[in-house]
PDB file of N, CA and C in Angstrom:
ATOM      1  N   MET A   1     -54.158-104.860  50.506  1.00  0.00           N
ATOM      2  CA  MET A   1     -54.241-103.743  51.423  1.00  0.00           C
ATOM      3  C   MET A   1     -52.834-103.271  51.702  1.00  0.00           C
ATOM      4  N   GLY A   2     -52.670-101.975  51.705  1.00  0.00           N
ATOM      5  CA  GLY A   2     -51.367-101.415  51.982  1.00  0.00           C
ATOM      6  C   GLY A   2     -50.979-101.590  53.443  1.00  0.00           C
ATOM      7  N   LEU A   3     -49.701-101.781  53.654  1.00  0.00           N
ATOM      8  CA  LEU A   3     -49.209-101.957  55.014  1.00  0.00           C
ATOM      9  C   LEU A   3     -49.384-100.685  55.836  1.00  0.00           C
ATOM     10  N   HIS A   4     -49.322 -99.541  55.179  1.00  0.00           N
ATOM     11  CA  HIS A   4     -49.569 -98.275  55.880  1.00  0.00           C
ATOM     12  C   HIS A   4     -50.981 -98.252  56.471  1.00  0.00           C
ATOM     13  N   ILE A   5     -51.934 -98.691  55.681  1.00  0.00           N
ATOM     14  CA  ILE A   5     -53.324 -98.726  56.152  1.00  0.00           C
ATOM     15  C   ILE A   5     -53.457 -99.686  57.329  1.00  0.00           C
ATOM     16  N   ALA A   6     -52.793-100.833  57.259  1.00  0.00           N
ATOM     17  CA  ALA A   6     -52.835-101.788  58.373  1.00  0.00           C
ATOM     18  C   ALA A   6     -52.303-101.139  59.642  1.00  0.00           C
ATOM     19  N   GLY A   7     -51.241-100.379  59.522  1.00  0.00           N
ATOM     20  CA  GLY A   7     -50.693 -99.673  60.682  1.00  0.00           C
ATOM     21  C   GLY A   7     -51.655 -98.636  61.238  1.00  0.00           C
ATOM     22  N   GLU A   8     -52.348 -97.935  60.359  1.00  0.00           N
ATOM     23  CA  GLU A   8     -53.333 -96.944  60.809  1.00  0.00           C
ATOM     24  C   GLU A   8     -54.517 -97.624  61.499  1.00  0.00           C
ATOM     25  N   LEU A   9     -54.950 -98.746  60.964  1.00  0.00           N
ATOM     26  CA  LEU A   9     -56.038 -99.491  61.606  1.00  0.00           C
ATOM     27  C   LEU A   9     -55.604-100.009  62.974  1.00  0.00           C
ATOM     28  N   ASP A  10     -54.353-100.425  63.087  1.00  0.00           N
ATOM     29  CA  ASP A  10     -53.831-100.886  64.368  1.00  0.00           C
ATOM     30  C   ASP A  10     -53.836 -99.736  65.385  1.00  0.00           C
ATOM     31  N   ARG A  11     -53.427 -98.553  64.959  1.00  0.00           N
ATOM     32  CA  ARG A  11     -53.425 -97.380  65.854  1.00  0.00           C
ATOM     33  C   ARG A  11     -54.825 -97.077  66.385  1.00  0.00           C
ATOM     34  N   ARG A  12     -55.828 -97.405  65.603  1.00  0.00           N
ATOM     35  CA  ARG A  12     -57.217 -97.130  65.992  1.00  0.00           C
ATOM     36  C   ARG A  12     -57.847 -98.302  66.754  1.00  0.00           C
ATOM     37  N   GLU A  13     -57.017 -99.303  67.053  1.00  0.00           N
ATOM     38  CA  GLU A  13     -57.438-100.456  67.856  1.00  0.00           C
ATOM     39  C   GLU A  13     -58.659-101.165  67.260  1.00  0.00           C
ATOM     40  N   LEU A  14     -58.597-101.388  65.971  1.00  0.00           N
ATOM     41  CA  LEU A  14     -59.637-102.132  65.265  1.00  0.00           C
ATOM     42  C   LEU A  14     -59.794-103.515  65.897  1.00  0.00           C
ATOM     43  N   GLY A  15     -61.030-104.011  65.981  1.00  0.00           N
ATOM     44  CA  GLY A  15     -61.288-105.302  66.611  1.00  0.00           C
ATOM     45  C   GLY A  15     -60.554-106.452  65.948  1.00  0.00           C
ATOM     46  N   TYR A  16     -60.547-106.487  64.637  1.00  0.00           N
ATOM     47  CA  TYR A  16     -59.812-107.517  63.899  1.00  0.00           C
ATOM     48  C   TYR A  16     -59.673-107.075  62.453  1.00  0.00           C
ATOM     49  N   LEU A  17     -58.755-107.710  61.762  1.00  0.00           N
ATOM     50  CA  LEU A  17     -58.528-107.459  60.352  1.00  0.00           C
ATOM     51  C   LEU A  17     -58.825-108.754  59.605  1.00  0.00           C
ATOM     52  N   HIS A  18     -59.763-108.706  58.679  1.00  0.00           N
ATOM     53  CA  HIS A  18     -60.095-109.881  57.864  1.00  0.00           C
ATOM     54  C   HIS A  18     -59.438-109.684  56.509  1.00  0.00           C
ATOM     55  N   LEU A  19     -58.415-110.468  56.260  1.00  0.00           N
ATOM     56  CA  LEU A  19     -57.625-110.357  55.049  1.00  0.00           C
ATOM     57  C   LEU A  19     -58.108-111.374  54.026  1.00  0.00           C
ATOM     58  N   CYS A  20     -58.704-110.911  52.939  1.00  0.00           N
ATOM     59  CA  CYS A  20     -59.133-111.789  51.845  1.00  0.00           C
ATOM     60  C   CYS A  20     -58.035-111.770  50.791  1.00  0.00           C
ATOM     61  N   GLU A  21     -57.275-112.842  50.741  1.00  0.00           N
ATOM     62  CA  GLU A  21     -56.142-112.916  49.829  1.00  0.00           C
ATOM     63  C   GLU A  21     -56.621-113.130  48.401  1.00  0.00           C
ATOM     64  N   PRO A  22     -55.926-112.556  47.415  1.00  0.00           N
ATOM     65  CA  PRO A  22     -56.421-112.561  46.034  1.00  0.00           C
ATOM     66  C   PRO A  22     -56.328-113.894  45.302  1.00  0.00           C
ATOM     67  N   ASP A  23     -55.621-114.887  45.849  1.00  0.00           N
ATOM     68  CA  ASP A  23     -55.434-116.125  45.093  1.00  0.00           C
ATOM     69  C   ASP A  23     -56.712-116.942  44.946  1.00  0.00           C
ATOM     70  N   TRP A  24     -57.724-116.674  45.737  1.00  0.00           N
ATOM     71  CA  TRP A  24     -58.966-117.453  45.615  1.00  0.00           C
ATOM     72  C   TRP A  24     -59.734-117.113  44.342  1.00  0.00           C
ATOM     73  N   VAL A  25     -59.412-115.989  43.729  1.00  0.00           N
ATOM     74  CA  VAL A  25     -60.055-115.618  42.464  1.00  0.00           C
ATOM     75  C   VAL A  25     -59.049-115.573  41.315  1.00  0.00           C
ATOM     76  N   GLY A  26     -57.949-116.305  41.477  1.00  0.00           N
ATOM     77  CA  GLY A  26     -56.967-116.392  40.409  1.00  0.00           C
ATOM     78  C   GLY A  26     -55.867-115.358  40.467  1.00  0.00           C
ATOM     79  N   GLY A  27     -55.864-114.522  41.490  1.00  0.00           N
ATOM     80  CA  GLY A  27     -54.806-113.530  41.656  1.00  0.00           C
ATOM     81  C   GLY A  27     -53.555-114.168  42.234  1.00  0.00           C
ATOM     82  N   PRO A  28     -52.528-113.366  42.422  1.00  0.00           N
ATOM     83  CA  PRO A  28     -51.281-113.911  42.963  1.00  0.00           C
ATOM     84  C   PRO A  28     -51.425-114.303  44.433  1.00  0.00           C
ATOM     85  N   GLU A  29     -50.665-115.305  44.826  1.00  0.00           N
ATOM     86  CA  GLU A  29     -50.644-115.715  46.225  1.00  0.00           C
ATOM     87  C   GLU A  29     -49.747-114.739  46.985  1.00  0.00           C
ATOM     88  N   LEU A  30     -50.197-114.329  48.159  1.00  0.00           N
ATOM     89  CA  LEU A  30     -49.363-113.451  48.981  1.00  0.00           C
ATOM     90  C   LEU A  30     -48.145-114.228  49.451  1.00  0.00           C
ATOM     91  N   ASP A  31     -47.015-113.555  49.479  1.00  0.00           N
ATOM     92  CA  ASP A  31     -45.820-114.250  49.936  1.00  0.00           C
ATOM     93  C   ASP A  31     -45.639-114.052  51.444  1.00  0.00           C
ATOM     94  N   ASP A  32     -44.758-114.851  52.005  1.00  0.00           N
ATOM     95  CA  ASP A  32     -44.554-114.809  53.449  1.00  0.00           C
ATOM     96  C   ASP A  32     -43.969-113.484  53.907  1.00  0.00           C
ATOM     97  N   ASP A  33     -43.194-112.837  53.052  1.00  0.00           N
ATOM     98  CA  ASP A  33     -42.637-111.530  53.405  1.00  0.00           C
ATOM     99  C   ASP A  33     -43.765-110.530  53.683  1.00  0.00           C
ATOM    100  N   PHE A  34     -44.819-110.551  52.858  1.00  0.00           N
ATOM    101  CA  PHE A  34     -45.964-109.668  53.098  1.00  0.00           C
ATOM    102  C   PHE A  34     -46.639-110.014  54.419  1.00  0.00           C
ATOM    103  N   ARG A  35     -46.816-111.301  54.683  1.00  0.00           N
ATOM    104  CA  ARG A  35     -47.461-111.724  55.933  1.00  0.00           C
ATOM    105  C   ARG A  35     -46.662-111.269  57.154  1.00  0.00           C
ATOM    106  N   ILE A  36     -45.341-111.369  57.062  1.00  0.00           N
ATOM    107  CA  ILE A  36     -44.475-110.914  58.159  1.00  0.00           C
ATOM    108  C   ILE A  36     -44.653-109.412  58.375  1.00  0.00           C
ATOM    109  N   LYS A  37     -44.622-108.654  57.302  1.00  0.00           N
ATOM    110  CA  LYS A  37     -44.754-107.192  57.401  1.00  0.00           C
ATOM    111  C   LYS A  37     -46.143-106.792  57.884  1.00  0.00           C
ATOM    112  N   LEU A  38     -47.170-107.540  57.465  1.00  0.00           N
ATOM    113  CA  LEU A  38     -48.522-107.247  57.928  1.00  0.00           C
ATOM    114  C   LEU A  38     -48.623-107.473  59.429  1.00  0.00           C
ATOM    115  N   ARG A  39     -48.056-108.561  59.920  1.00  0.00           N
ATOM    116  CA  ARG A  39     -48.086-108.845  61.363  1.00  0.00           C
ATOM    117  C   ARG A  39     -47.335-107.769  62.132  1.00  0.00           C
ATOM    118  N   GLU A  40     -46.258-107.264  61.582  1.00  0.00           N
ATOM    119  CA  GLU A  40     -45.508-106.183  62.229  1.00  0.00           C
ATOM    120  C   GLU A  40     -46.332-104.898  62.280  1.00  0.00           C
ATOM    121  N   ALA A  41     -47.128-104.660  61.247  1.00  0.00           N
ATOM    122  CA  ALA A  41     -47.923-103.434  61.171  1.00  0.00           C
ATOM    123  C   ALA A  41     -49.206-103.505  61.979  1.00  0.00           C
ATOM    124  N   PHE A  42     -49.743-104.711  62.173  1.00  0.00           N
ATOM    125  CA  PHE A  42     -51.037-104.866  62.838  1.00  0.00           C
ATOM    126  C   PHE A  42     -50.907-105.874  63.970  1.00  0.00           C
ATOM    127  N   ASP A  43     -51.045-105.403  65.209  1.00  0.00           N
ATOM    128  CA  ASP A  43     -50.890-106.254  66.394  1.00  0.00           C
ATOM    129  C   ASP A  43     -52.160-107.002  66.766  1.00  0.00           C
ATOM    130  N   GLY A  44     -53.302-106.574  66.238  1.00  0.00           N
ATOM    131  CA  GLY A  44     -54.574-107.184  66.617  1.00  0.00           C
ATOM    132  C   GLY A  44     -54.791-108.525  65.937  1.00  0.00           C
ATOM    133  N   VAL A  45     -56.004-109.008  66.048  1.00  0.00           N
ATOM    134  CA  VAL A  45     -56.384-110.299  65.466  1.00  0.00           C
ATOM    135  C   VAL A  45     -56.447-110.189  63.945  1.00  0.00           C
ATOM    136  N   ILE A  46     -55.786-111.117  63.278  1.00  0.00           N
ATOM    137  CA  ILE A  46     -55.834-111.203  61.819  1.00  0.00           C
ATOM    138  C   ILE A  46     -56.534-112.512  61.450  1.00  0.00           C
ATOM    139  N   ILE A  47     -57.598-112.390  60.668  1.00  0.00           N
ATOM    140  CA  ILE A  47     -58.302-113.546  60.117  1.00  0.00           C
ATOM    141  C   ILE A  47     -57.967-113.578  58.632  1.00  0.00           C
ATOM    142  N   ALA A  48     -57.341-114.640  58.203  1.00  0.00           N
ATOM    143  CA  ALA A  48     -56.946-114.762  56.804  1.00  0.00           C
ATOM    144  C   ALA A  48     -57.944-115.648  56.063  1.00  0.00           C
ATOM    145  N   ALA A  49     -58.172-115.323  54.819  1.00  0.00           N
ATOM    146  CA  ALA A  49     -59.063-116.110  53.969  1.00  0.00           C
ATOM    147  C   ALA A  49     -58.500-116.084  52.558  1.00  0.00           C
ATOM    148  N   GLY A  50     -58.856-117.064  51.796  1.00  0.00           N
ATOM    149  CA  GLY A  50     -58.392-117.145  50.422  1.00  0.00           C
ATOM    150  C   GLY A  50     -58.418-118.594  49.992  1.00  0.00           C
ATOM    151  N   ASN A  51     -57.438-118.981  49.279  1.00  0.00           N
ATOM    152  CA  ASN A  51     -57.363-120.341  48.758  1.00  0.00           C
ATOM    153  C   ASN A  51     -56.594-121.226  49.745  1.00  0.00           C
ATOM    154  N   TYR A  52     -57.073-121.270  50.986  1.00  0.00           N
ATOM    155  CA  TYR A  52     -56.363-121.990  52.035  1.00  0.00           C
ATOM    156  C   TYR A  52     -56.642-123.479  52.005  1.00  0.00           C
ATOM    157  N   THR A  53     -55.580-124.240  52.156  1.00  0.00           N
ATOM    158  CA  THR A  53     -55.642-125.688  52.320  1.00  0.00           C
ATOM    159  C   THR A  53     -55.344-125.971  53.785  1.00  0.00           C
ATOM    160  N   PRO A  54     -55.585-127.186  54.251  1.00  0.00           N
ATOM    161  CA  PRO A  54     -55.201-127.498  55.633  1.00  0.00           C
ATOM    162  C   PRO A  54     -53.713-127.258  55.899  1.00  0.00           C
ATOM    163  N   ASP A  55     -52.848-127.629  54.967  1.00  0.00           N
ATOM    164  CA  ASP A  55     -51.409-127.441  55.169  1.00  0.00           C
ATOM    165  C   ASP A  55     -51.030-125.964  55.220  1.00  0.00           C
ATOM    166  N   LYS A  56     -51.568-125.185  54.291  1.00  0.00           N
ATOM    167  CA  LYS A  56     -51.259-123.754  54.259  1.00  0.00           C
ATOM    168  C   LYS A  56     -51.778-123.075  55.514  1.00  0.00           C
ATOM    169  N   SER A  57     -52.978-123.426  55.951  1.00  0.00           N
ATOM    170  CA  SER A  57     -53.527-122.786  57.154  1.00  0.00           C
ATOM    171  C   SER A  57     -52.695-123.138  58.380  1.00  0.00           C
ATOM    172  N   ALA A  58     -52.270-124.395  58.507  1.00  0.00           N
ATOM    173  CA  ALA A  58     -51.448-124.789  59.654  1.00  0.00           C
ATOM    174  C   ALA A  58     -50.123-124.029  59.658  1.00  0.00           C
ATOM    175  N   ARG A  59     -49.512-123.875  58.499  1.00  0.00           N
ATOM    176  CA  ARG A  59     -48.233-123.163  58.392  1.00  0.00           C
ATOM    177  C   ARG A  59     -48.375-121.694  58.785  1.00  0.00           C
ATOM    178  N   VAL A  60     -49.410-121.038  58.287  1.00  0.00           N
ATOM    179  CA  VAL A  60     -49.627-119.624  58.571  1.00  0.00           C
ATOM    180  C   VAL A  60     -49.971-119.405  60.050  1.00  0.00           C
ATOM    181  N   LEU A  61     -50.780-120.286  60.613  1.00  0.00           N
ATOM    182  CA  LEU A  61     -51.125-120.178  62.037  1.00  0.00           C
ATOM    183  C   LEU A  61     -49.905-120.442  62.917  1.00  0.00           C
ATOM    184  N   ARG A  62     -49.127-121.477  62.592  1.00  0.00           N
ATOM    185  CA  ARG A  62     -47.920-121.796  63.372  1.00  0.00           C
ATOM    186  C   ARG A  62     -46.943-120.637  63.391  1.00  0.00           C
ATOM    187  N   ALA A  63     -46.814-119.964  62.251  1.00  0.00           N
ATOM    188  CA  ALA A  63     -45.882-118.833  62.146  1.00  0.00           C
ATOM    189  C   ALA A  63     -46.393-117.600  62.884  1.00  0.00           C
ATOM    190  N   GLY A  64     -47.690-117.591  63.232  1.00  0.00           N
ATOM    191  CA  GLY A  64     -48.251-116.437  63.923  1.00  0.00           C
ATOM    192  C   GLY A  64     -48.638-115.294  62.998  1.00  0.00           C
ATOM    193  N   TRP A  65     -48.699-115.571  61.696  1.00  0.00           N
ATOM    194  CA  TRP A  65     -49.049-114.525  60.730  1.00  0.00           C
ATOM    195  C   TRP A  65     -50.544-114.284  60.670  1.00  0.00           C
ATOM    196  N   ALA A  66     -51.328-115.193  61.200  1.00  0.00           N
ATOM    197  CA  ALA A  66     -52.780-115.033  61.321  1.00  0.00           C
ATOM    198  C   ALA A  66     -53.197-115.719  62.610  1.00  0.00           C
ATOM    199  N   ASP A  67     -54.335-115.280  63.131  1.00  0.00           N
ATOM    200  CA  ASP A  67     -54.870-115.856  64.364  1.00  0.00           C
ATOM    201  C   ASP A  67     -55.985-116.848  64.082  1.00  0.00           C
ATOM    202  N   ALA A  68     -56.573-116.753  62.916  1.00  0.00           N
ATOM    203  CA  ALA A  68     -57.641-117.662  62.507  1.00  0.00           C
ATOM    204  C   ALA A  68     -57.671-117.688  60.980  1.00  0.00           C
ATOM    205  N   ILE A  69     -58.194-118.791  60.450  1.00  0.00           N
ATOM    206  CA  ILE A  69     -58.365-118.931  59.008  1.00  0.00           C
ATOM    207  C   ILE A  69     -59.856-119.092  58.737  1.00  0.00           C
ATOM    208  N   ALA A  70     -60.360-118.315  57.789  1.00  0.00           N
ATOM    209  CA  ALA A  70     -61.759-118.425  57.378  1.00  0.00           C
ATOM    210  C   ALA A  70     -61.814-119.259  56.098  1.00  0.00           C
ATOM    211  N   PHE A  71     -62.654-120.271  56.116  1.00  0.00           N
ATOM    212  CA  PHE A  71     -62.823-121.127  54.943  1.00  0.00           C
ATOM    213  C   PHE A  71     -64.196-120.848  54.333  1.00  0.00           C
ATOM    214  N   GLY A  72     -64.248-120.703  53.036  1.00  0.00           N
ATOM    215  CA  GLY A  72     -65.512-120.498  52.334  1.00  0.00           C
ATOM    216  C   GLY A  72     -65.834-121.691  51.462  1.00  0.00           C
ATOM    217  N   ARG A  73     -65.209-121.738  50.300  1.00  0.00           N
ATOM    218  CA  ARG A  73     -65.470-122.811  49.341  1.00  0.00           C
ATOM    219  C   ARG A  73     -65.180-124.187  49.928  1.00  0.00           C
ATOM    220  N   LEU A  74     -64.102-124.294  50.708  1.00  0.00           N
ATOM    221  CA  LEU A  74     -63.769-125.582  51.313  1.00  0.00           C
ATOM    222  C   LEU A  74     -64.873-126.043  52.258  1.00  0.00           C
ATOM    223  N   PHE A  75     -65.524-125.082  52.922  1.00  0.00           N
ATOM    224  CA  PHE A  75     -66.631-125.417  53.820  1.00  0.00           C
ATOM    225  C   PHE A  75     -67.870-125.836  53.040  1.00  0.00           C
ATOM    226  N   ILE A  76     -68.100-125.208  51.887  1.00  0.00           N
ATOM    227  CA  ILE A  76     -69.244-125.600  51.059  1.00  0.00           C
ATOM    228  C   ILE A  76     -69.118-127.065  50.657  1.00  0.00           C
ATOM    229  N   ALA A  77     -67.924-127.464  50.225  1.00  0.00           N
ATOM    230  CA  ALA A  77     -67.704-128.833  49.759  1.00  0.00           C
ATOM    231  C   ALA A  77     -67.594-129.840  50.902  1.00  0.00           C
ATOM    232  N   ASN A  78     -67.373-129.358  52.105  1.00  0.00           N
ATOM    233  CA  ASN A  78     -67.167-130.231  53.258  1.00  0.00           C
ATOM    234  C   ASN A  78     -67.973-129.702  54.435  1.00  0.00           C
ATOM    235  N   PRO A  79     -69.251-130.038  54.508  1.00  0.00           N
ATOM    236  CA  PRO A  79     -70.109-129.480  55.555  1.00  0.00           C
ATOM    237  C   PRO A  79     -69.644-129.842  56.967  1.00  0.00           C
ATOM    238  N   ASP A  80     -68.797-130.851  57.066  1.00  0.00           N
ATOM    239  CA  ASP A  80     -68.234-131.263  58.355  1.00  0.00           C
ATOM    240  C   ASP A  80     -66.735-130.954  58.402  1.00  0.00           C
ATOM    241  N   LEU A  81     -66.357-129.825  57.831  1.00  0.00           N
ATOM    242  CA  LEU A  81     -64.946-129.460  57.707  1.00  0.00           C
ATOM    243  C   LEU A  81     -64.175-129.513  59.027  1.00  0.00           C
ATOM    244  N   PRO A  82     -64.691-128.977  60.137  1.00  0.00           N
ATOM    245  CA  PRO A  82     -63.899-129.053  61.385  1.00  0.00           C
ATOM    246  C   PRO A  82     -63.536-130.492  61.762  1.00  0.00           C
ATOM    247  N   ARG A  83     -64.484-131.392  61.602  1.00  0.00           N
ATOM    248  CA  ARG A  83     -64.201-132.801  61.918  1.00  0.00           C
ATOM    249  C   ARG A  83     -63.152-133.367  60.974  1.00  0.00           C
ATOM    250  N   ARG A  84     -63.284-133.074  59.682  1.00  0.00           N
ATOM    251  CA  ARG A  84     -62.321-133.584  58.703  1.00  0.00           C
ATOM    252  C   ARG A  84     -60.916-133.059  58.993  1.00  0.00           C
ATOM    253  N   LEU A  85     -60.817-131.783  59.336  1.00  0.00           N
ATOM    254  CA  LEU A  85     -59.504-131.221  59.649  1.00  0.00           C
ATOM    255  C   LEU A  85     -58.926-131.852  60.911  1.00  0.00           C
ATOM    256  N   ALA A  86     -59.756-132.036  61.923  1.00  0.00           N
ATOM    257  CA  ALA A  86     -59.286-132.627  63.181  1.00  0.00           C
ATOM    258  C   ALA A  86     -58.842-134.067  62.991  1.00  0.00           C
ATOM    259  N   ASP A  87     -59.575-134.826  62.161  1.00  0.00           N
ATOM    260  CA  ASP A  87     -59.281-136.247  61.941  1.00  0.00           C
ATOM    261  C   ASP A  87     -58.228-136.483  60.860  1.00  0.00           C
ATOM    262  N   GLY A  88     -57.958-135.460  60.051  1.00  0.00           N
ATOM    263  CA  GLY A  88     -57.092-135.669  58.896  1.00  0.00           C
ATOM    264  C   GLY A  88     -57.788-136.455  57.803  1.00  0.00           C
ATOM    265  N   SER A  89     -59.126-136.406  57.814  1.00  0.00           N
ATOM    266  CA  SER A  89     -59.915-137.140  56.823  1.00  0.00           C
ATOM    267  C   SER A  89     -59.802-136.482  55.453  1.00  0.00           C
ATOM    268  N   PRO A  90     -60.027-137.259  54.386  1.00  0.00           N
ATOM    269  CA  PRO A  90     -59.981-136.673  53.044  1.00  0.00           C
ATOM    270  C   PRO A  90     -61.081-135.631  52.857  1.00  0.00           C
ATOM    271  N   LEU A  91     -60.794-134.682  51.995  1.00  0.00           N
ATOM    272  CA  LEU A  91     -61.737-133.598  51.713  1.00  0.00           C
ATOM    273  C   LEU A  91     -62.460-133.856  50.399  1.00  0.00           C
ATOM    274  N   ASN A  92     -63.734-133.474  50.344  1.00  0.00           N
ATOM    275  CA  ASN A  92     -64.468-133.494  49.082  1.00  0.00           C
ATOM    276  C   ASN A  92     -63.914-132.390  48.195  1.00  0.00           C
ATOM    277  N   GLU A  93     -63.887-132.644  46.898  1.00  0.00           N
ATOM    278  CA  GLU A  93     -63.488-131.599  45.961  1.00  0.00           C
ATOM    279  C   GLU A  93     -64.679-130.709  45.644  1.00  0.00           C
ATOM    280  N   LEU A  94     -64.431-129.425  45.590  1.00  0.00           N
ATOM    281  CA  LEU A  94     -65.473-128.463  45.235  1.00  0.00           C
ATOM    282  C   LEU A  94     -65.787-128.592  43.752  1.00  0.00           C
ATOM    283  N   ARG A  95     -67.051-128.605  43.430  1.00  0.00           N
ATOM    284  CA  ARG A  95     -67.488-128.662  42.041  1.00  0.00           C
ATOM    285  C   ARG A  95     -67.827-127.233  41.594  1.00  0.00           C
ATOM    286  N   LEU A  96     -66.840-126.552  41.069  1.00  0.00           N
ATOM    287  CA  LEU A  96     -67.017-125.152  40.681  1.00  0.00           C
ATOM    288  C   LEU A  96     -68.091-124.957  39.625  1.00  0.00           C
ATOM    289  N   GLU A  97     -68.299-125.982  38.794  1.00  0.00           N
ATOM    290  CA  GLU A  97     -69.260-125.834  37.696  1.00  0.00           C
ATOM    291  C   GLU A  97     -70.699-125.686  38.176  1.00  0.00           C
ATOM    292  N   VAL A  98     -70.983-126.038  39.439  1.00  0.00           N
ATOM    293  CA  VAL A  98     -72.359-125.912  39.930  1.00  0.00           C
ATOM    294  C   VAL A  98     -72.536-124.764  40.929  1.00  0.00           C
ATOM    295  N   ILE A  99     -71.458-124.074  41.260  1.00  0.00           N
ATOM    296  CA  ILE A  99     -71.575-122.930  42.170  1.00  0.00           C
ATOM    297  C   ILE A  99     -72.402-121.844  41.479  1.00  0.00           C
ATOM    298  N   SER A 100     -73.297-121.259  42.199  1.00  0.00           N
ATOM    299  CA  SER A 100     -74.180-120.200  41.681  1.00  0.00           C
ATOM    300  C   SER A 100     -75.008-120.695  40.502  1.00  0.00           C
ATOM    301  N   GLY A 101     -75.435-121.946  40.583  1.00  0.00           N
ATOM    302  CA  GLY A 101     -76.203-122.523  39.484  1.00  0.00           C
ATOM    303  C   GLY A 101     -77.698-122.295  39.570  1.00  0.00           C
ATOM    304  N   GLY A 102     -78.163-121.620  40.616  1.00  0.00           N
ATOM    305  CA  GLY A 102     -79.575-121.298  40.700  1.00  0.00           C
ATOM    306  C   GLY A 102     -80.398-122.187  41.607  1.00  0.00           C
ATOM    307  N   ASP A 103     -79.804-123.275  42.105  1.00  0.00           N
ATOM    308  CA  ASP A 103     -80.537-124.114  43.047  1.00  0.00           C
ATOM    309  C   ASP A 103     -79.569-124.642  44.111  1.00  0.00           C
ATOM    310  N   ALA A 104     -80.001-125.641  44.863  1.00  0.00           N
ATOM    311  CA  ALA A 104     -79.192-126.147  45.971  1.00  0.00           C
ATOM    312  C   ALA A 104     -78.043-127.050  45.512  1.00  0.00           C
ATOM    313  N   THR A 105     -78.044-127.457  44.251  1.00  0.00           N
ATOM    314  CA  THR A 105     -76.982-128.318  43.743  1.00  0.00           C
ATOM    315  C   THR A 105     -75.635-127.623  43.918  1.00  0.00           C
ATOM    316  N   GLY A 106     -74.718-128.350  44.513  1.00  0.00           N
ATOM    317  CA  GLY A 106     -73.396-127.786  44.741  1.00  0.00           C
ATOM    318  C   GLY A 106     -73.262-127.049  46.057  1.00  0.00           C
ATOM    319  N   TYR A 107     -74.350-126.917  46.796  1.00  0.00           N
ATOM    320  CA  TYR A 107     -74.304-126.260  48.101  1.00  0.00           C
ATOM    321  C   TYR A 107     -74.713-127.208  49.224  1.00  0.00           C
ATOM    322  N   THR A 108     -75.675-128.050  48.964  1.00  0.00           N
ATOM    323  CA  THR A 108     -76.200-128.898  50.047  1.00  0.00           C
ATOM    324  C   THR A 108     -76.112-130.384  49.742  1.00  0.00           C
ATOM    325  N   ASP A 109     -75.444-130.754  48.674  1.00  0.00           N
ATOM    326  CA  ASP A 109     -75.433-132.163  48.301  1.00  0.00           C
ATOM    327  C   ASP A 109     -74.073-132.836  48.436  1.00  0.00           C
ATOM    328  N   TYR A 110     -73.140-132.224  49.131  1.00  0.00           N
ATOM    329  CA  TYR A 110     -71.847-132.865  49.368  1.00  0.00           C
ATOM    330  C   TYR A 110     -71.979-133.867  50.517  1.00  0.00           C
ATOM    331  N   PRO A 111     -71.302-135.006  50.374  1.00  0.00           N
ATOM    332  CA  PRO A 111     -71.403-136.014  51.437  1.00  0.00           C
ATOM    333  C   PRO A 111     -70.627-135.637  52.692  1.00  0.00           C
ATOM    334  N   SER A 112     -71.202-135.981  53.836  1.00  0.00           N
ATOM    335  CA  SER A 112     -70.523-135.836  55.111  1.00  0.00           C
ATOM    336  C   SER A 112     -69.884-137.172  55.469  1.00  0.00           C
ATOM    337  N   LEU A 113     -68.960-137.135  56.409  1.00  0.00           N
ATOM    338  CA  LEU A 113     -68.396-138.384  56.903  1.00  0.00           C
ATOM    339  C   LEU A 113     -69.483-139.147  57.647  1.00  0.00           C
ATOM    340  N   THR A 114     -69.436-140.434  57.592  1.00  0.00           N
ATOM    341  CA  THR A 114     -70.425-141.239  58.317  1.00  0.00           C
ATOM    342  C   THR A 114     -69.859-141.606  59.675  1.00  0.00           C
ATOM    343  N   GLY A 115     -70.774-141.891  60.583  1.00  0.00           N
ATOM    344  CA  GLY A 115     -70.353-142.329  61.917  1.00  0.00           C
ATOM    345  C   GLY A 115     -70.386-141.265  62.850  1.00  0.00           C
TER     346      GLY A 115
END
C-alpha cells in the first residue's frame, strides 16, 4: 500500500488499518524504514499480518510500528497460540502440504499443550 494512501485514510479517520505484508506468500519482507514511514502517515490503529514469528511481532509492537499482530497460519498450527506465546512454549510447525486438502486434516488435528 502506498504511503500516500495511508495518509489519506488517516485524514478520513479510518477505524484501523490491517496491513497484510507480502512475505507470507513468498514476497519480500517489509523493511523497518517502511514501517516507520507508515506509522508517520497513519496515526490510527495498525494491525499487521504476514509471516510473523513471536520475536518479529514483539519487535514490531515494541517499536510502536503496529498496535496488534494478526496470526493466521501460526494459529492454525497452534490452537492454543495465546497460551504458547505467554508461556514461551514451543510452537507446532505448520504442515503446508495438508492446507486446503479438502478435509479437516491440517486444520483441527494439531496438538494443544496439556495441563
